[in-house]
Amino acid sequence: MFDGEIIAFFLNFIIDSFQNTIQAFIWPAKIAQLAPPFGAISLGLAFWLFPIYVKKHIESWMFADDAEKPAADEPPETN
C-alpha cells in the first residue's frame, strides 16, 4: 500500500537530524576559516557580546508570558 514510504520518511528524518546536528557543531569552525584572523576574532566577539547585549532582549520577547506567572517554588499571591 505505502511502498515503503513510511520507512523512507523515517530514514530521511533520521539522516537529516544527524546532518543538522553535525552542522550545528561545525559552523563556528567554518566562520573562523572565512578570514583567518578576523573570522576567529569576530566569532569570539559574538560569543562574548551576545549574552551581554542580545540574550536578555530575546528572552524577554520569547518568554513574556512567563513573567506574569508565579514561579513554581513561589506560592500564589492571595488578596
N, C-alpha and C. Protein backbone atom coordinates (compact mmCIF):
# COMPACT_ATOMS: atom_id res chain seq x y z
N MET A 1 0.82 -1.19 0.00
CA MET A 1 0.00 0.00 0.00
C MET A 1 0.86 1.26 0.00
N PHE A 2 1.81 1.37 0.94
CA PHE A 2 2.64 2.57 1.03
C PHE A 2 3.95 2.45 0.25
N ASP A 3 4.31 1.25 -0.19
CA ASP A 3 5.54 1.02 -0.94
C ASP A 3 6.78 1.54 -0.21
N GLY A 4 6.82 1.41 1.09
CA GLY A 4 7.99 1.82 1.86
C GLY A 4 8.09 3.31 2.12
N GLU A 5 7.02 4.05 1.90
CA GLU A 5 7.07 5.50 2.11
C GLU A 5 7.30 5.85 3.57
N ILE A 6 6.70 5.09 4.45
CA ILE A 6 6.85 5.37 5.89
C ILE A 6 8.29 5.12 6.32
N ILE A 7 8.85 4.02 5.86
CA ILE A 7 10.24 3.71 6.22
C ILE A 7 11.17 4.77 5.63
N ALA A 8 10.94 5.15 4.37
CA ALA A 8 11.77 6.19 3.75
C ALA A 8 11.65 7.52 4.49
N PHE A 9 10.45 7.84 4.94
CA PHE A 9 10.25 9.09 5.68
C PHE A 9 11.08 9.08 6.97
N PHE A 10 11.00 7.99 7.74
CA PHE A 10 11.73 7.93 8.99
C PHE A 10 13.24 7.90 8.76
N LEU A 11 13.69 7.21 7.71
CA LEU A 11 15.12 7.20 7.42
C LEU A 11 15.60 8.59 7.02
N ASN A 12 14.83 9.28 6.18
CA ASN A 12 15.20 10.66 5.81
C ASN A 12 15.20 11.58 7.01
N PHE A 13 14.24 11.40 7.91
CA PHE A 13 14.19 12.21 9.13
C PHE A 13 15.42 11.98 9.98
N ILE A 14 15.81 10.74 10.17
CA ILE A 14 16.98 10.42 10.99
C ILE A 14 18.25 10.96 10.36
N ILE A 15 18.38 10.78 9.05
CA ILE A 15 19.59 11.26 8.35
C ILE A 15 19.67 12.78 8.41
N ASP A 16 18.55 13.47 8.16
CA ASP A 16 18.54 14.93 8.21
C ASP A 16 18.85 15.44 9.61
N SER A 17 18.31 14.78 10.62
CA SER A 17 18.58 15.19 12.00
C SER A 17 20.05 15.03 12.33
N PHE A 18 20.65 13.93 11.88
CA PHE A 18 22.07 13.70 12.13
C PHE A 18 22.91 14.76 11.42
N GLN A 19 22.58 15.07 10.17
CA GLN A 19 23.32 16.09 9.43
C GLN A 19 23.20 17.46 10.10
N ASN A 20 22.02 17.81 10.57
CA ASN A 20 21.84 19.09 11.25
C ASN A 20 22.64 19.16 12.55
N THR A 21 22.71 18.04 13.26
CA THR A 21 23.50 18.00 14.50
C THR A 21 24.97 18.23 14.21
N ILE A 22 25.48 17.56 13.19
CA ILE A 22 26.89 17.72 12.83
C ILE A 22 27.16 19.16 12.40
N GLN A 23 26.28 19.73 11.57
CA GLN A 23 26.49 21.10 11.11
C GLN A 23 26.40 22.11 12.26
N ALA A 24 25.59 21.81 13.27
CA ALA A 24 25.49 22.71 14.42
C ALA A 24 26.80 22.77 15.19
N PHE A 25 27.56 21.68 15.20
CA PHE A 25 28.84 21.68 15.89
C PHE A 25 29.97 22.24 15.02
N ILE A 26 29.80 22.23 13.71
CA ILE A 26 30.88 22.61 12.80
C ILE A 26 30.83 24.09 12.40
N TRP A 27 29.67 24.75 12.49
CA TRP A 27 29.57 26.11 11.96
C TRP A 27 30.57 27.10 12.54
N PRO A 28 30.96 27.03 13.82
CA PRO A 28 31.95 28.01 14.28
C PRO A 28 33.30 27.87 13.57
N ALA A 29 33.69 26.64 13.25
CA ALA A 29 34.94 26.43 12.53
C ALA A 29 34.86 26.99 11.11
N LYS A 30 33.70 26.85 10.48
CA LYS A 30 33.53 27.40 9.13
C LYS A 30 33.64 28.93 9.14
N ILE A 31 33.07 29.55 10.15
CA ILE A 31 33.15 31.01 10.24
C ILE A 31 34.59 31.45 10.52
N ALA A 32 35.28 30.73 11.37
CA ALA A 32 36.66 31.09 11.69
C ALA A 32 37.57 30.92 10.48
N GLN A 33 37.24 30.04 9.54
CA GLN A 33 38.06 29.82 8.36
C GLN A 33 37.78 30.82 7.23
N LEU A 34 36.69 31.58 7.31
CA LEU A 34 36.36 32.52 6.24
C LEU A 34 37.47 33.55 6.03
N ALA A 35 37.91 34.19 7.07
CA ALA A 35 39.00 35.16 7.02
C ALA A 35 39.85 34.88 8.24
N PRO A 36 40.95 34.15 8.08
CA PRO A 36 41.66 33.56 9.21
C PRO A 36 41.77 34.37 10.49
N PRO A 37 42.35 35.55 10.57
CA PRO A 37 42.36 36.15 11.91
C PRO A 37 41.03 36.80 12.26
N PHE A 38 40.37 37.41 11.26
CA PHE A 38 39.17 38.18 11.55
C PHE A 38 37.95 37.29 11.80
N GLY A 39 37.91 36.12 11.18
CA GLY A 39 36.80 35.19 11.41
C GLY A 39 36.79 34.71 12.86
N ALA A 40 37.94 34.33 13.37
CA ALA A 40 38.03 33.87 14.75
C ALA A 40 37.78 35.01 15.73
N ILE A 41 38.29 36.19 15.40
CA ILE A 41 38.08 37.34 16.29
C ILE A 41 36.60 37.72 16.34
N SER A 42 35.95 37.77 15.17
CA SER A 42 34.53 38.13 15.17
C SER A 42 33.68 37.07 15.85
N LEU A 43 34.04 35.80 15.70
CA LEU A 43 33.31 34.74 16.38
C LEU A 43 33.48 34.86 17.90
N GLY A 44 34.69 35.15 18.34
CA GLY A 44 34.92 35.33 19.77
C GLY A 44 34.17 36.52 20.33
N LEU A 45 34.15 37.62 19.57
CA LEU A 45 33.39 38.79 20.00
C LEU A 45 31.89 38.50 20.06
N ALA A 46 31.40 37.75 19.08
CA ALA A 46 29.97 37.41 19.08
C ALA A 46 29.61 36.56 20.29
N PHE A 47 30.45 35.57 20.61
CA PHE A 47 30.18 34.74 21.79
C PHE A 47 30.28 35.53 23.08
N TRP A 48 31.12 36.53 23.10
CA TRP A 48 31.30 37.33 24.31
C TRP A 48 30.19 38.38 24.45
N LEU A 49 29.80 39.02 23.34
CA LEU A 49 28.84 40.12 23.42
C LEU A 49 27.38 39.67 23.39
N PHE A 50 27.10 38.51 22.82
CA PHE A 50 25.71 38.06 22.73
C PHE A 50 25.03 37.98 24.10
N PRO A 51 25.60 37.30 25.10
CA PRO A 51 24.90 37.23 26.39
C PRO A 51 24.77 38.58 27.10
N ILE A 52 25.66 39.51 26.78
CA ILE A 52 25.62 40.80 27.45
C ILE A 52 24.53 41.70 26.88
N TYR A 53 24.44 41.77 25.54
CA TYR A 53 23.56 42.75 24.91
C TYR A 53 22.30 42.19 24.28
N VAL A 54 22.33 40.97 23.80
CA VAL A 54 21.22 40.47 22.98
C VAL A 54 20.35 39.46 23.72
N LYS A 55 20.93 38.60 24.51
CA LYS A 55 20.21 37.48 25.12
C LYS A 55 19.04 37.95 25.99
N LYS A 56 19.23 38.97 26.78
CA LYS A 56 18.17 39.45 27.68
C LYS A 56 16.95 39.93 26.89
N HIS A 57 17.19 40.61 25.78
CA HIS A 57 16.08 41.11 24.96
C HIS A 57 15.33 39.96 24.29
N ILE A 58 16.06 38.96 23.81
CA ILE A 58 15.41 37.82 23.17
C ILE A 58 14.61 37.03 24.20
N GLU A 59 15.17 36.81 25.38
CA GLU A 59 14.44 36.07 26.42
C GLU A 59 13.20 36.83 26.87
N SER A 60 13.28 38.14 27.00
CA SER A 60 12.10 38.89 27.43
C SER A 60 11.03 38.87 26.35
N TRP A 61 11.44 38.83 25.08
CA TRP A 61 10.48 38.76 23.98
C TRP A 61 9.86 37.36 23.88
N MET A 62 10.69 36.32 24.03
CA MET A 62 10.19 34.96 23.87
C MET A 62 9.37 34.49 25.06
N PHE A 63 9.77 34.90 26.26
CA PHE A 63 9.12 34.41 27.47
C PHE A 63 8.38 35.52 28.18
N ALA A 64 7.70 36.37 27.44
CA ALA A 64 6.97 37.49 28.04
C ALA A 64 5.84 37.00 28.92
N ASP A 65 5.21 35.90 28.57
CA ASP A 65 4.11 35.36 29.37
C ASP A 65 4.58 34.77 30.68
N ASP A 66 5.82 34.29 30.73
CA ASP A 66 6.35 33.68 31.96
C ASP A 66 6.54 34.69 33.08
N ALA A 67 6.76 35.94 32.75
CA ALA A 67 6.97 36.96 33.78
C ALA A 67 5.68 37.21 34.56
N GLU A 68 4.56 36.97 33.93
CA GLU A 68 3.28 37.20 34.59
C GLU A 68 2.89 36.05 35.52
N LYS A 69 3.42 34.86 35.27
CA LYS A 69 3.09 33.68 36.07
C LYS A 69 4.02 33.60 37.27
N PRO A 70 3.53 33.14 38.42
CA PRO A 70 4.44 32.96 39.56
C PRO A 70 5.34 31.74 39.32
N ALA A 71 6.52 31.77 39.89
CA ALA A 71 7.45 30.65 39.76
C ALA A 71 6.88 29.44 40.48
N ALA A 72 7.39 28.27 40.14
CA ALA A 72 6.87 27.02 40.69
C ALA A 72 7.09 26.93 42.20
N ASP A 73 8.20 27.49 42.68
CA ASP A 73 8.50 27.39 44.11
C ASP A 73 7.88 28.52 44.93
N GLU A 74 7.28 29.51 44.28
CA GLU A 74 6.63 30.60 44.99
C GLU A 74 5.15 30.31 45.16
N PRO A 75 4.60 30.59 46.33
CA PRO A 75 3.15 30.40 46.50
C PRO A 75 2.39 31.48 45.74
N PRO A 76 1.22 31.18 45.25
CA PRO A 76 0.44 32.20 44.55
C PRO A 76 0.03 33.32 45.50
N GLU A 77 -0.11 34.51 44.95
CA GLU A 77 -0.49 35.65 45.78
C GLU A 77 -1.96 35.55 46.16
N THR A 78 -2.25 35.90 47.41
CA THR A 78 -3.64 35.92 47.86
C THR A 78 -3.97 37.33 48.31
N ASN A 79 -5.13 37.78 47.94
CA ASN A 79 -5.55 39.15 48.30
C ASN A 79 -6.59 39.12 49.40
